[in-house]
Amino acid sequence: MFSPRYELFTVLFMNIRNKHAVHRDWVTVAKELGKKRGVSDSS
């Protein structure tokens, strides 16, 4: 039923979504570290 191209597209789409989620987590971690260092949020 599923074509290989469709499955490949789905895998790529999920990978992109995962990368965005990981990036968001890193931004949150960086902001928390900045607060601990007493640096004001300039970004």
C-alpha atoms as a PDB file:
ATOM      1  CA  MET A   1       0.000   0.000   0.000  1.00  0.00           C
ATOM      2  CA  PHE A   2       2.737   2.454   0.968  1.00  0.00           C
ATOM      3  CA  SER A   3       5.216   3.410  -1.721  1.00  0.00           C
ATOM      4  CA  PRO A   4       8.921   3.493  -0.752  1.00  0.00           C
ATOM      5  CA  ARG A   5       9.035   7.177  -1.673  1.00  0.00           C
ATOM      6  CA  TYR A   6       6.203   7.967   0.740  1.00  0.00           C
ATOM      7  CA  GLU A   7       7.908   6.076   3.561  1.00  0.00           C
ATOM      8  CA  LEU A   8      11.206   7.852   2.868  1.00  0.00           C
ATOM      9  CA  PHE A   9       9.422  11.221   2.943  1.00  0.00           C
ATOM     10  CA  THR A  10       7.780  10.307   6.249  1.00  0.00           C
ATOM     11  CA  VAL A  11      11.129   9.336   7.787  1.00  0.00           C
ATOM     12  CA  LEU A  12      12.722  12.591   6.609  1.00  0.00           C
ATOM     13  CA  PHE A  13       9.775  14.606   7.928  1.00  0.00           C
ATOM     14  CA  MET A  14      10.028  12.946  11.346  1.00  0.00           C
ATOM     15  CA  ASN A  15      13.792  13.532  11.431  1.00  0.00           C
ATOM     16  CA  ILE A  16      13.291  17.225  10.663  1.00  0.00           C
ATOM     17  CA  ARG A  17      10.663  17.499  13.407  1.00  0.00           C
ATOM     18  CA  ASN A  18      12.994  15.771  15.868  1.00  0.00           C
ATOM     19  CA  LYS A  19      15.834  18.152  14.972  1.00  0.00           C
ATOM     20  CA  HIS A  20      13.560  21.143  15.591  1.00  0.00           C
ATOM     21  CA  ALA A  21      12.535  19.704  18.972  1.00  0.00           C
ATOM     22  CA  VAL A  22      16.179  19.131  19.933  1.00  0.00           C
ATOM     23  CA  HIS A  23      17.065  22.676  18.823  1.00  0.00           C
ATOM     24  CA  ARG A  24      14.265  24.102  20.998  1.00  0.00           C
ATOM     25  CA  ASP A  25      15.586  22.113  23.969  1.00  0.00           C
ATOM     26  CA  TRP A  26      19.105  23.462  23.413  1.00  0.00           C
ATOM     27  CA  VAL A  27      17.791  27.054  23.264  1.00  0.00           C
ATOM     28  CA  THR A  28      15.966  26.476  26.558  1.00  0.00           C
ATOM     29  CA  VAL A  29      19.086  25.004  28.167  1.00  0.00           C
ATOM     30  CA  ALA A  30      21.211  27.911  26.914  1.00  0.00           C
ATOM     31  CA  LYS A  31      18.749  30.431  28.366  1.00  0.00           C
ATOM     32  CA  GLU A  32      18.745  28.638  31.725  1.00  0.00           C
ATOM     33  CA  LEU A  33      22.565  28.628  31.783  1.00  0.00           C
ATOM     34  CA  GLY A  34      22.553  32.336  30.924  1.00  0.00           C
ATOM     35  CA  LYS A  35      20.220  33.066  33.844  1.00  0.00           C
ATOM     36  CA  LYS A  36      22.446  31.118  36.232  1.00  0.00           C
ATOM     37  CA  ARG A  37      25.438  33.152  35.085  1.00  0.00           C
ATOM     38  CA  GLY A  38      23.466  36.344  35.701  1.00  0.00           C
ATOM     39  CA  VAL A  39      23.497  37.367  32.049  1.00  0.00           C
ATOM     40  CA  SER A  40      20.474  39.362  30.920  1.00  0.00           C
ATOM     41  CA  ASP A  41      18.473  37.918  27.998  1.00  0.00           C
ATOM     42  CA  SER A  42      19.805  39.852  25.017  1.00  0.00           C
ATOM     43  CA  SER A  43      18.956  37.330  22.262  1.00  0.00           C
END
